[in-house]
Amino acid sequence: MTVSEKIVADLVANNVQFVTTVPCKQLAGVIDAVDKSPDIYHIPSNKEDEGMGLCAGAYMGGKRPAIIMQNTAIGVTINTLVTLTQYYRMPLPMLISYRGELREPVACQVEMAVHTKALLNQLNIPTYHFHKESDVDEFDEILKYTFMCNKPVAILTDASFWGGYGE
């Protein structure tokens, strides 16, 4: 089973029925796997904060949601995370590609990487960082945690987790 297949299997096993995604080269495999799953209703989003709004609607409609996105948009999601997701105690697993670390080929990605963890920490959002493929074994427990405590949870997945930047 590939990492992407394991992620989708864990989403399905934890009754996640709605997933929204924002395009990302690193996350393309898992986005494709989500899209192919008959157990998940997949709606692509144009922007991360829009996706969080869709997840809130799904949650209020009785579905367990998740969002798949890049860390470079954490800044634009802060208001939505605080005034919607956290205020209403919505569980929201956020699978996030963590761009901007060592060997990053795009210079502008580095600046948001410097701030991502600090912003999530400031918002009191539990954050996990996947560096190697075997870290995916924790995904099931992280999903159980977010739905048990009704909190958003960030899972940062760096380039090494996905097999590098494709040099």
Protein backbone atom coordinates (compact mmCIF):
# COMPACT_ATOMS: atom_id res chain seq x y z
CA MET A 1 0.00 0.00 0.00
CA THR A 2 1.38 3.42 -0.93
CA VAL A 3 1.51 6.33 1.51
CA SER A 4 -1.36 8.00 -0.37
CA GLU A 5 -3.46 4.83 -0.21
CA LYS A 6 -2.74 4.49 3.54
CA ILE A 7 -3.84 8.09 4.15
CA VAL A 8 -7.11 7.53 2.28
CA ALA A 9 -7.68 4.19 4.03
CA ASP A 10 -7.23 5.89 7.41
CA LEU A 11 -9.60 8.70 6.42
CA VAL A 12 -12.25 6.14 5.42
CA ALA A 13 -11.64 4.04 8.56
CA ASN A 14 -12.26 7.15 10.66
CA ASN A 15 -15.48 7.93 8.81
CA VAL A 16 -14.15 11.03 7.05
CA GLN A 17 -16.75 11.47 4.34
CA PHE A 18 -15.87 14.93 2.98
CA VAL A 19 -12.45 16.12 1.82
CA THR A 20 -11.55 19.35 0.13
CA THR A 21 -8.19 19.86 -1.52
CA VAL A 22 -6.14 22.72 -2.87
CA PRO A 23 -3.78 21.86 -5.75
CA CYS A 24 -0.23 20.95 -4.71
CA LYS A 25 2.45 19.04 -6.59
CA GLN A 26 3.66 17.22 -3.45
CA LEU A 27 0.13 16.19 -2.49
CA ALA A 28 -0.94 15.16 -6.01
CA GLY A 29 -0.84 11.43 -5.25
CA VAL A 30 -3.02 11.65 -2.17
CA ILE A 31 -5.39 14.09 -3.91
CA ASP A 32 -5.80 11.56 -6.75
CA ALA A 33 -6.40 8.77 -4.23
CA VAL A 34 -9.04 10.86 -2.42
CA ASP A 35 -10.71 11.64 -5.73
CA LYS A 36 -10.90 7.94 -6.63
CA SER A 37 -12.33 6.84 -3.27
CA PRO A 38 -16.03 5.96 -3.50
CA ASP A 39 -16.32 6.56 0.27
CA ILE A 40 -15.23 10.22 0.20
CA TYR A 41 -17.04 13.18 -1.29
CA HIS A 42 -14.21 15.28 -2.77
CA ILE A 43 -14.59 18.96 -3.62
CA PRO A 44 -11.51 20.82 -4.88
CA SER A 45 -11.12 24.35 -3.48
CA ASN A 46 -9.59 27.45 -5.01
CA LYS A 47 -8.18 28.70 -1.69
CA GLU A 48 -7.48 27.17 1.71
CA ASP A 49 -9.81 29.45 3.68
CA GLU A 50 -12.60 28.65 1.20
CA GLY A 51 -11.88 24.95 1.78
CA MET A 52 -12.17 25.41 5.54
CA GLY A 53 -15.57 27.01 5.00
CA LEU A 54 -16.63 24.00 2.94
CA CYS A 55 -15.39 21.70 5.72
CA ALA A 56 -17.40 23.70 8.28
CA GLY A 57 -20.53 23.29 6.17
CA ALA A 58 -19.91 19.56 5.83
CA TYR A 59 -19.37 19.25 9.60
CA MET A 60 -22.53 21.20 10.39
CA GLY A 61 -24.33 18.91 7.94
CA GLY A 62 -23.23 15.84 9.89
CA LYS A 63 -20.13 14.78 7.92
CA ARG A 64 -16.58 14.39 9.17
CA PRO A 65 -14.35 16.67 7.06
CA ALA A 66 -10.66 17.02 6.24
CA ILE A 67 -8.63 19.48 4.20
CA ILE A 68 -5.49 18.83 2.15
CA MET A 69 -3.44 21.98 1.49
CA GLN A 70 -0.04 23.72 1.41
CA ASN A 71 1.59 25.48 4.35
CA THR A 72 2.16 28.57 2.22
CA ALA A 73 -1.48 29.55 2.79
CA ILE A 74 -1.56 29.18 6.58
CA GLY A 75 -1.52 32.97 6.84
CA VAL A 76 -4.77 33.41 4.92
CA THR A 77 -6.52 30.75 7.01
CA ILE A 78 -5.92 32.26 10.46
CA ASN A 79 -9.23 34.14 10.68
CA THR A 80 -11.19 31.10 9.50
CA LEU A 81 -9.35 28.78 11.89
CA VAL A 82 -10.01 31.01 14.90
CA THR A 83 -13.48 32.45 14.29
CA LEU A 84 -15.05 29.39 12.69
CA THR A 85 -13.20 26.15 13.29
CA GLN A 86 -11.92 26.78 16.82
CA TYR A 87 -14.84 28.90 18.03
CA TYR A 88 -17.34 26.21 17.10
CA ARG A 89 -15.01 23.38 18.26
CA MET A 90 -14.90 21.68 14.88
CA PRO A 91 -12.54 18.78 14.39
CA LEU A 92 -10.54 19.37 11.25
CA PRO A 93 -7.60 17.22 10.20
CA MET A 94 -5.38 19.38 7.98
CA LEU A 95 -2.93 17.38 5.87
CA ILE A 96 -0.42 20.03 4.87
CA SER A 97 2.53 19.90 2.51
CA TYR A 98 5.37 21.67 4.31
CA ARG A 99 7.23 23.60 1.63
CA GLY A 100 10.35 25.66 2.24
CA GLU A 101 12.75 23.36 4.04
CA LEU A 102 16.17 22.06 2.98
CA ARG A 103 16.59 21.58 -0.79
CA GLU A 104 13.47 23.69 -1.53
CA PRO A 105 13.85 24.86 -5.14
CA VAL A 106 11.45 27.83 -4.88
CA ALA A 107 12.85 30.69 -2.77
CA CYS A 108 9.52 32.31 -1.88
CA GLN A 109 8.36 29.06 -0.23
CA VAL A 110 11.04 29.43 2.45
CA GLU A 111 9.51 32.47 4.14
CA MET A 112 6.24 30.76 5.06
CA ALA A 113 8.08 27.68 6.29
CA VAL A 114 9.87 29.92 8.79
CA HIS A 115 6.50 30.98 10.24
CA THR A 116 4.23 27.94 9.82
CA LYS A 117 4.94 26.11 13.07
CA ALA A 118 4.98 29.31 15.11
CA LEU A 119 1.58 30.37 13.73
CA LEU A 120 0.05 26.95 14.43
CA ASN A 121 1.56 27.01 17.93
CA GLN A 122 0.20 30.51 18.57
CA LEU A 123 -3.27 29.21 17.61
CA ASN A 124 -2.85 26.22 19.98
CA ILE A 125 -3.32 23.79 17.12
CA PRO A 126 -1.70 20.40 17.78
CA THR A 127 0.90 19.87 15.07
CA TYR A 128 2.62 16.71 13.86
CA HIS A 129 5.47 16.65 11.36
CA PHE A 130 5.96 13.70 9.03
CA HIS A 131 9.55 13.41 7.77
CA LYS A 132 9.80 9.78 6.70
CA GLU A 133 7.35 7.39 5.09
CA SER A 134 6.87 5.32 8.25
CA ASP A 135 5.49 8.42 10.04
CA VAL A 136 2.21 7.76 8.19
CA ASP A 137 1.61 4.97 10.71
CA GLU A 138 0.59 7.72 13.19
CA PHE A 139 -2.09 9.15 10.90
CA ASP A 140 -4.90 6.91 12.16
CA GLU A 141 -4.27 7.91 15.80
CA ILE A 142 -4.07 11.60 14.86
CA LEU A 143 -7.46 11.33 13.17
CA LYS A 144 -8.94 9.64 16.23
CA TYR A 145 -7.48 12.42 18.38
CA THR A 146 -8.92 15.32 16.37
CA PHE A 147 -12.42 13.82 16.36
CA MET A 148 -12.23 12.91 20.05
CA CYS A 149 -11.23 16.41 21.20
CA ASN A 150 -13.07 18.45 18.54
CA LYS A 151 -10.02 20.45 17.54
CA PRO A 152 -8.25 21.19 14.30
CA VAL A 153 -4.99 19.26 13.96
CA ALA A 154 -2.15 19.99 11.53
CA ILE A 155 -0.12 17.21 9.94
CA LEU A 156 2.89 18.75 8.19
CA THR A 157 4.37 16.55 5.48
CA ASP A 158 7.73 17.68 4.19
CA ALA A 159 9.35 16.86 0.87
CA SER A 160 11.36 13.96 2.30
CA PHE A 161 8.09 12.30 3.40
CA TRP A 162 6.82 12.47 -0.20
CA GLY A 163 10.13 11.32 -1.68
CA GLY A 164 11.92 14.63 -2.27
CA TYR A 165 11.45 17.60 -4.55
CA GLY A 166 11.90 15.56 -7.70
CA GLU A 167 15.38 16.81 -8.55
